[in-house]
PDB file of N, CA and C in Angstrom:
ATOM      1  N   MET A   1     -18.035  60.972  15.882  1.00  0.00           N
ATOM      2  CA  MET A   1     -18.396  59.595  15.659  1.00  0.00           C
ATOM      3  C   MET A   1     -17.258  58.947  14.889  1.00  0.00           C
ATOM      4  N   SER A   2     -17.057  57.676  15.122  1.00  0.00           N
ATOM      5  CA  SER A   2     -15.916  56.964  14.565  1.00  0.00           C
ATOM      6  C   SER A   2     -16.369  55.730  13.797  1.00  0.00           C
ATOM      7  N   VAL A   3     -15.773  55.521  12.598  1.00  0.00           N
ATOM      8  CA  VAL A   3     -16.018  54.316  11.810  1.00  0.00           C
ATOM      9  C   VAL A   3     -14.671  53.720  11.401  1.00  0.00           C
ATOM     10  N   LEU A   4     -14.697  52.446  11.071  1.00  0.00           N
ATOM     11  CA  LEU A   4     -13.488  51.750  10.633  1.00  0.00           C
ATOM     12  C   LEU A   4     -13.625  51.463   9.144  1.00  0.00           C
ATOM     13  N   VAL A   5     -12.678  51.964   8.344  1.00  0.00           N
ATOM     14  CA  VAL A   5     -12.698  51.770   6.894  1.00  0.00           C
ATOM     15  C   VAL A   5     -11.415  51.060   6.490  1.00  0.00           C
ATOM     16  N   ASN A   6     -11.564  49.852   5.980  1.00  0.00           N
ATOM     17  CA  ASN A   6     -10.405  49.058   5.556  1.00  0.00           C
ATOM     18  C   ASN A   6      -9.334  48.993   6.647  1.00  0.00           C
ATOM     19  N   GLY A   7      -9.788  48.857   7.889  1.00  0.00           N
ATOM     20  CA  GLY A   7      -8.876  48.707   9.011  1.00  0.00           C
ATOM     21  C   GLY A   7      -8.339  50.008   9.587  1.00  0.00           C
ATOM     22  N   LYS A   8      -8.750  51.157   9.048  1.00  0.00           N
ATOM     23  CA  LYS A   8      -8.273  52.456   9.530  1.00  0.00           C
ATOM     24  C   LYS A   8      -9.441  53.236  10.129  1.00  0.00           C
ATOM     25  N   GLN A   9      -9.205  53.846  11.293  1.00  0.00           N
ATOM     26  CA  GLN A   9     -10.228  54.600  12.009  1.00  0.00           C
ATOM     27  C   GLN A   9     -10.407  55.985  11.383  1.00  0.00           C
ATOM     28  N   TYR A  10     -11.665  56.405  11.187  1.00  0.00           N
ATOM     29  CA  TYR A  10     -11.990  57.733  10.672  1.00  0.00           C
ATOM     30  C   TYR A  10     -13.007  58.393  11.590  1.00  0.00           C
ATOM     31  N   GLU A  11     -12.814  59.682  11.835  1.00  0.00           N
ATOM     32  CA  GLU A  11     -13.770  60.474  12.607  1.00  0.00           C
ATOM     33  C   GLU A  11     -14.674  61.194  11.622  1.00  0.00           C
ATOM     34  N   LEU A  12     -15.983  61.049  11.820  1.00  0.00           N
ATOM     35  CA  LEU A  12     -16.962  61.645  10.918  1.00  0.00           C
ATOM     36  C   LEU A  12     -17.912  62.531  11.695  1.00  0.00           C
ATOM     37  N   GLY A  13     -18.577  63.416  10.961  1.00  0.00           N
ATOM     38  CA  GLY A  13     -19.626  64.228  11.557  1.00  0.00           C
ATOM     39  C   GLY A  13     -20.908  63.425  11.665  1.00  0.00           C
ATOM     40  N   THR A  14     -21.758  63.794  12.586  1.00  0.00           N
ATOM     41  CA  THR A  14     -23.035  63.129  12.754  1.00  0.00           C
ATOM     42  C   THR A  14     -23.858  63.263  11.477  1.00  0.00           C
ATOM     43  N   GLY A  15     -24.472  62.171  11.055  1.00  0.00           N
ATOM     44  CA  GLY A  15     -25.329  62.192   9.883  1.00  0.00           C
ATOM     45  C   GLY A  15     -24.601  62.094   8.555  1.00  0.00           C
ATOM     46  N   GLU A  16     -23.293  61.834   8.577  1.00  0.00           N
ATOM     47  CA  GLU A  16     -22.538  61.734   7.323  1.00  0.00           C
ATOM     48  C   GLU A  16     -22.982  60.496   6.549  1.00  0.00           C
ATOM     49  N   THR A  17     -23.112  60.660   5.238  1.00  0.00           N
ATOM     50  CA  THR A  17     -23.558  59.554   4.391  1.00  0.00           C
ATOM     51  C   THR A  17     -22.360  58.790   3.829  1.00  0.00           C
ATOM     52  N   LEU A  18     -22.649  57.624   3.336  1.00  0.00           N
ATOM     53  CA  LEU A  18     -21.621  56.807   2.698  1.00  0.00           C
ATOM     54  C   LEU A  18     -21.049  57.532   1.489  1.00  0.00           C
ATOM     55  N   ALA A  19     -21.894  58.197   0.708  1.00  0.00           N
ATOM     56  CA  ALA A  19     -21.416  58.942  -0.461  1.00  0.00           C
ATOM     57  C   ALA A  19     -20.437  60.032  -0.056  1.00  0.00           C
ATOM     58  N   ALA A  20     -20.727  60.749   1.033  1.00  0.00           N
ATOM     59  CA  ALA A  20     -19.835  61.811   1.510  1.00  0.00           C
ATOM     60  C   ALA A  20     -18.491  61.232   1.960  1.00  0.00           C
ATOM     61  N   LEU A  21     -18.526  60.084   2.624  1.00  0.00           N
ATOM     62  CA  LEU A  21     -17.275  59.441   3.050  1.00  0.00           C
ATOM     63  C   LEU A  21     -16.448  59.035   1.846  1.00  0.00           C
ATOM     64  N   LEU A  22     -17.077  58.441   0.844  1.00  0.00           N
ATOM     65  CA  LEU A  22     -16.346  58.032  -0.356  1.00  0.00           C
ATOM     66  C   LEU A  22     -15.702  59.241  -1.028  1.00  0.00           C
ATOM     67  N   GLU A  23     -16.424  60.351  -1.085  1.00  0.00           N
ATOM     68  CA  GLU A  23     -15.870  61.569  -1.672  1.00  0.00           C
ATOM     69  C   GLU A  23     -14.658  62.032  -0.873  1.00  0.00           C
ATOM     70  N   ARG A  24     -14.764  62.003   0.446  1.00  0.00           N
ATOM     71  CA  ARG A  24     -13.649  62.394   1.313  1.00  0.00           C
ATOM     72  C   ARG A  24     -12.429  61.505   1.069  1.00  0.00           C
ATOM     73  N   LEU A  25     -12.677  60.228   0.810  1.00  0.00           N
ATOM     74  CA  LEU A  25     -11.591  59.276   0.559  1.00  0.00           C
ATOM     75  C   LEU A  25     -11.046  59.373  -0.858  1.00  0.00           C
ATOM     76  N   GLY A  26     -11.706  60.151  -1.719  1.00  0.00           N
ATOM     77  CA  GLY A  26     -11.265  60.286  -3.102  1.00  0.00           C
ATOM     78  C   GLY A  26     -11.645  59.096  -3.970  1.00  0.00           C
ATOM     79  N   VAL A  27     -12.709  58.420  -3.577  1.00  0.00           N
ATOM     80  CA  VAL A  27     -13.175  57.242  -4.308  1.00  0.00           C
ATOM     81  C   VAL A  27     -14.485  57.600  -4.999  1.00  0.00           C
ATOM     82  N   GLN A  28     -14.543  57.390  -6.299  1.00  0.00           N
ATOM     83  CA  GLN A  28     -15.779  57.655  -7.028  1.00  0.00           C
ATOM     84  C   GLN A  28     -16.782  56.551  -6.725  1.00  0.00           C
ATOM     85  N   GLY A  29     -17.942  56.941  -6.226  1.00  0.00           N
ATOM     86  CA  GLY A  29     -18.966  55.982  -5.835  1.00  0.00           C
ATOM     87  C   GLY A  29     -19.379  55.043  -6.937  1.00  0.00           C
ATOM     88  N   ALA A  30     -19.369  55.523  -8.173  1.00  0.00           N
ATOM     89  CA  ALA A  30     -19.784  54.681  -9.301  1.00  0.00           C
ATOM     90  C   ALA A  30     -18.841  53.499  -9.505  1.00  0.00           C
ATOM     91  N   TYR A  31     -17.622  53.615  -8.980  1.00  0.00           N
ATOM     92  CA  TYR A  31     -16.629  52.561  -9.176  1.00  0.00           C
ATOM     93  C   TYR A  31     -16.245  51.861  -7.878  1.00  0.00           C
ATOM     94  N   ALA A  32     -16.960  52.138  -6.803  1.00  0.00           N
ATOM     95  CA  ALA A  32     -16.614  51.554  -5.503  1.00  0.00           C
ATOM     96  C   ALA A  32     -17.574  50.430  -5.148  1.00  0.00           C
ATOM     97  N   LEU A  33     -17.035  49.414  -4.525  1.00  0.00           N
ATOM     98  CA  LEU A  33     -17.831  48.350  -3.925  1.00  0.00           C
ATOM     99  C   LEU A  33     -17.695  48.516  -2.421  1.00  0.00           C
ATOM    100  N   VAL A  34     -18.823  48.535  -1.718  1.00  0.00           N
ATOM    101  CA  VAL A  34     -18.790  48.791  -0.279  1.00  0.00           C
ATOM    102  C   VAL A  34     -19.548  47.707   0.474  1.00  0.00           C
ATOM    103  N   GLU A  35     -18.916  47.279   1.548  1.00  0.00           N
ATOM    104  CA  GLU A  35     -19.546  46.351   2.486  1.00  0.00           C
ATOM    105  C   GLU A  35     -19.621  47.086   3.823  1.00  0.00           C
ATOM    106  N   ARG A  36     -20.817  47.088   4.408  1.00  0.00           N
ATOM    107  CA  ARG A  36     -21.018  47.758   5.702  1.00  0.00           C
ATOM    108  C   ARG A  36     -21.443  46.716   6.720  1.00  0.00           C
ATOM    109  N   ASN A  37     -20.641  46.545   7.752  1.00  0.00           N
ATOM    110  CA  ASN A  37     -20.931  45.583   8.815  1.00  0.00           C
ATOM    111  C   ASN A  37     -21.225  44.191   8.254  1.00  0.00           C
ATOM    112  N   GLY A  38     -20.442  43.808   7.248  1.00  0.00           N
ATOM    113  CA  GLY A  38     -20.551  42.467   6.677  1.00  0.00           C
ATOM    114  C   GLY A  38     -21.613  42.300   5.608  1.00  0.00           C
ATOM    115  N   GLU A  39     -22.331  43.375   5.273  1.00  0.00           N
ATOM    116  CA  GLU A  39     -23.398  43.307   4.270  1.00  0.00           C
ATOM    117  C   GLU A  39     -23.075  44.238   3.107  1.00  0.00           C
ATOM    118  N   PRO A  40     -23.253  43.779   1.851  1.00  0.00           N
ATOM    119  CA  PRO A  40     -23.003  44.664   0.714  1.00  0.00           C
ATOM    120  C   PRO A  40     -24.025  45.797   0.664  1.00  0.00           C
ATOM    121  N   VAL A  41     -23.577  46.951   0.171  1.00  0.00           N
ATOM    122  CA  VAL A  41     -24.459  48.108  -0.006  1.00  0.00           C
ATOM    123  C   VAL A  41     -24.571  48.376  -1.503  1.00  0.00           C
ATOM    124  N   GLU A  42     -25.796  48.493  -2.014  1.00  0.00           N
ATOM    125  CA  GLU A  42     -25.999  48.772  -3.429  1.00  0.00           C
ATOM    126  C   GLU A  42     -25.565  50.201  -3.736  1.00  0.00           C
ATOM    127  N   ARG A  43     -24.922  50.389  -4.876  1.00  0.00           N
ATOM    128  CA  ARG A  43     -24.422  51.717  -5.253  1.00  0.00           C
ATOM    129  C   ARG A  43     -25.520  52.770  -5.246  1.00  0.00           C
ATOM    130  N   GLU A  44     -26.721  52.394  -5.651  1.00  0.00           N
ATOM    131  CA  GLU A  44     -27.830  53.345  -5.712  1.00  0.00           C
ATOM    132  C   GLU A  44     -28.186  53.919  -4.339  1.00  0.00           C
ATOM    133  N   ARG A  45     -27.767  53.249  -3.278  1.00  0.00           N
ATOM    134  CA  ARG A  45     -28.112  53.660  -1.908  1.00  0.00           C
ATOM    135  C   ARG A  45     -27.017  54.477  -1.221  1.00  0.00           C
ATOM    136  N   TYR A  46     -25.849  54.636  -1.836  1.00  0.00           N
ATOM    137  CA  TYR A  46     -24.729  55.305  -1.170  1.00  0.00           C
ATOM    138  C   TYR A  46     -25.111  56.679  -0.613  1.00  0.00           C
ATOM    139  N   ALA A  47     -25.884  57.462  -1.357  1.00  0.00           N
ATOM    140  CA  ALA A  47     -26.248  58.813  -0.905  1.00  0.00           C
ATOM    141  C   ALA A  47     -27.273  58.789   0.215  1.00  0.00           C
ATOM    142  N   ASN A  48     -27.967  57.665   0.388  1.00  0.00           N
ATOM    143  CA  ASN A  48     -29.032  57.576   1.390  1.00  0.00           C
ATOM    144  C   ASN A  48     -28.631  56.811   2.643  1.00  0.00           C
ATOM    145  N   VAL A  49     -27.454  56.199   2.635  1.00  0.00           N
ATOM    146  CA  VAL A  49     -27.011  55.418   3.795  1.00  0.00           C
ATOM    147  C   VAL A  49     -26.285  56.343   4.763  1.00  0.00           C
ATOM    148  N   THR A  50     -26.888  56.558   5.918  1.00  0.00           N
ATOM    149  CA  THR A  50     -26.274  57.383   6.959  1.00  0.00           C
ATOM    150  C   THR A  50     -25.425  56.478   7.846  1.00  0.00           C
ATOM    151  N   LEU A  51     -24.158  56.846   7.980  1.00  0.00           N
ATOM    152  CA  LEU A  51     -23.240  56.032   8.777  1.00  0.00           C
ATOM    153  C   LEU A  51     -23.471  56.248  10.264  1.00  0.00           C
ATOM    154  N   GLU A  52     -23.155  55.215  11.032  1.00  0.00           N
ATOM    155  CA  GLU A  52     -23.322  55.261  12.480  1.00  0.00           C
ATOM    156  C   GLU A  52     -21.992  54.933  13.155  1.00  0.00           C
ATOM    157  N   SER A  53     -21.810  55.465  14.342  1.00  0.00           N
ATOM    158  CA  SER A  53     -20.589  55.205  15.092  1.00  0.00           C
ATOM    159  C   SER A  53     -20.409  53.705  15.282  1.00  0.00           C
ATOM    160  N   GLY A  54     -19.201  53.229  15.014  1.00  0.00           N
ATOM    161  CA  GLY A  54     -18.905  51.814  15.168  1.00  0.00           C
ATOM    162  C   GLY A  54     -19.058  51.008  13.894  1.00  0.00           C
ATOM    163  N   ASP A  55     -19.580  51.629  12.815  1.00  0.00           N
ATOM    164  CA  ASP A  55     -19.695  50.905  11.550  1.00  0.00           C
ATOM    165  C   ASP A  55     -18.325  50.428  11.093  1.00  0.00           C
ATOM    166  N   VAL A  56     -18.305  49.244  10.499  1.00  0.00           N
ATOM    167  CA  VAL A  56     -17.094  48.679   9.911  1.00  0.00           C
ATOM    168  C   VAL A  56     -17.344  48.569   8.415  1.00  0.00           C
ATOM    169  N   LEU A  57     -16.510  49.279   7.641  1.00  0.00           N
ATOM    170  CA  LEU A  57     -16.683  49.333   6.195  1.00  0.00           C
ATOM    171  C   LEU A  57     -15.486  48.739   5.477  1.00  0.00           C
ATOM    172  N   VAL A  58     -15.785  48.058   4.395  1.00  0.00           N
ATOM    173  CA  VAL A  58     -14.751  47.600   3.477  1.00  0.00           C
ATOM    174  C   VAL A  58     -15.049  48.294   2.156  1.00  0.00           C
ATOM    175  N   VAL A  59     -14.097  49.063   1.656  1.00  0.00           N
ATOM    176  CA  VAL A  59     -14.255  49.778   0.398  1.00  0.00           C
ATOM    177  C   VAL A  59     -13.237  49.221  -0.578  1.00  0.00           C
ATOM    178  N   ALA A  60     -13.731  48.789  -1.732  1.00  0.00           N
ATOM    179  CA  ALA A  60     -12.849  48.231  -2.758  1.00  0.00           C
ATOM    180  C   ALA A  60     -13.158  48.890  -4.089  1.00  0.00           C
ATOM    181  N   ARG A  61     -12.122  48.982  -4.910  1.00  0.00           N
ATOM    182  CA  ARG A  61     -12.292  49.480  -6.276  1.00  0.00           C
ATOM    183  C   ARG A  61     -11.927  48.343  -7.219  1.00  0.00           C
ATOM    184  N   PRO A  62     -12.909  47.878  -8.008  1.00  0.00           N
ATOM    185  CA  PRO A  62     -12.602  46.797  -8.939  1.00  0.00           C
ATOM    186  C   PRO A  62     -11.551  47.246  -9.952  1.00  0.00           C
ATOM    187  N   VAL A  63     -10.694  46.326 -10.324  1.00  0.00           N
ATOM    188  CA  VAL A  63      -9.634  46.613 -11.281  1.00  0.00           C
ATOM    189  C   VAL A  63      -9.767  45.633 -12.435  1.00  0.00           C
ATOM    190  N   ALA A  64      -9.831  46.190 -13.632  1.00  0.00           N
ATOM    191  CA  ALA A  64      -9.909  45.336 -14.819  1.00  0.00           C
ATOM    192  C   ALA A  64      -8.497  44.892 -15.199  1.00  0.00           C
ATOM    193  N   GLY A  65      -8.411  43.762 -15.759  1.00  0.00           N
ATOM    194  CA  GLY A  65      -7.096  43.268 -16.176  1.00  0.00           C
ATOM    195  C   GLY A  65      -7.236  41.923 -16.845  1.00  0.00           C
ATOM    196  N   GLY A  66      -6.135  41.422 -17.224  1.00  0.00           N
ATOM    197  CA  GLY A  66      -6.241  40.153 -17.904  1.00  0.00           C
ATOM    198  C   GLY A  66      -5.022  39.386 -17.848  1.00  0.00           C
TER     199      GLY A  66
END
């Protein structure tokens, strides 16, 4: 199954969760903001969101600064 993350194609196993994808990408879920198919996903749901082929994800890490 294939998903698009920040414009890059990734091949995933069937039933892979958003949390597992973030771990694979080296992004800590507690610090990631994710949009799936144009809709924001709450951090509390990352482990329960099963990705589907064709999903388009935007993953961002907020940066503090001043």
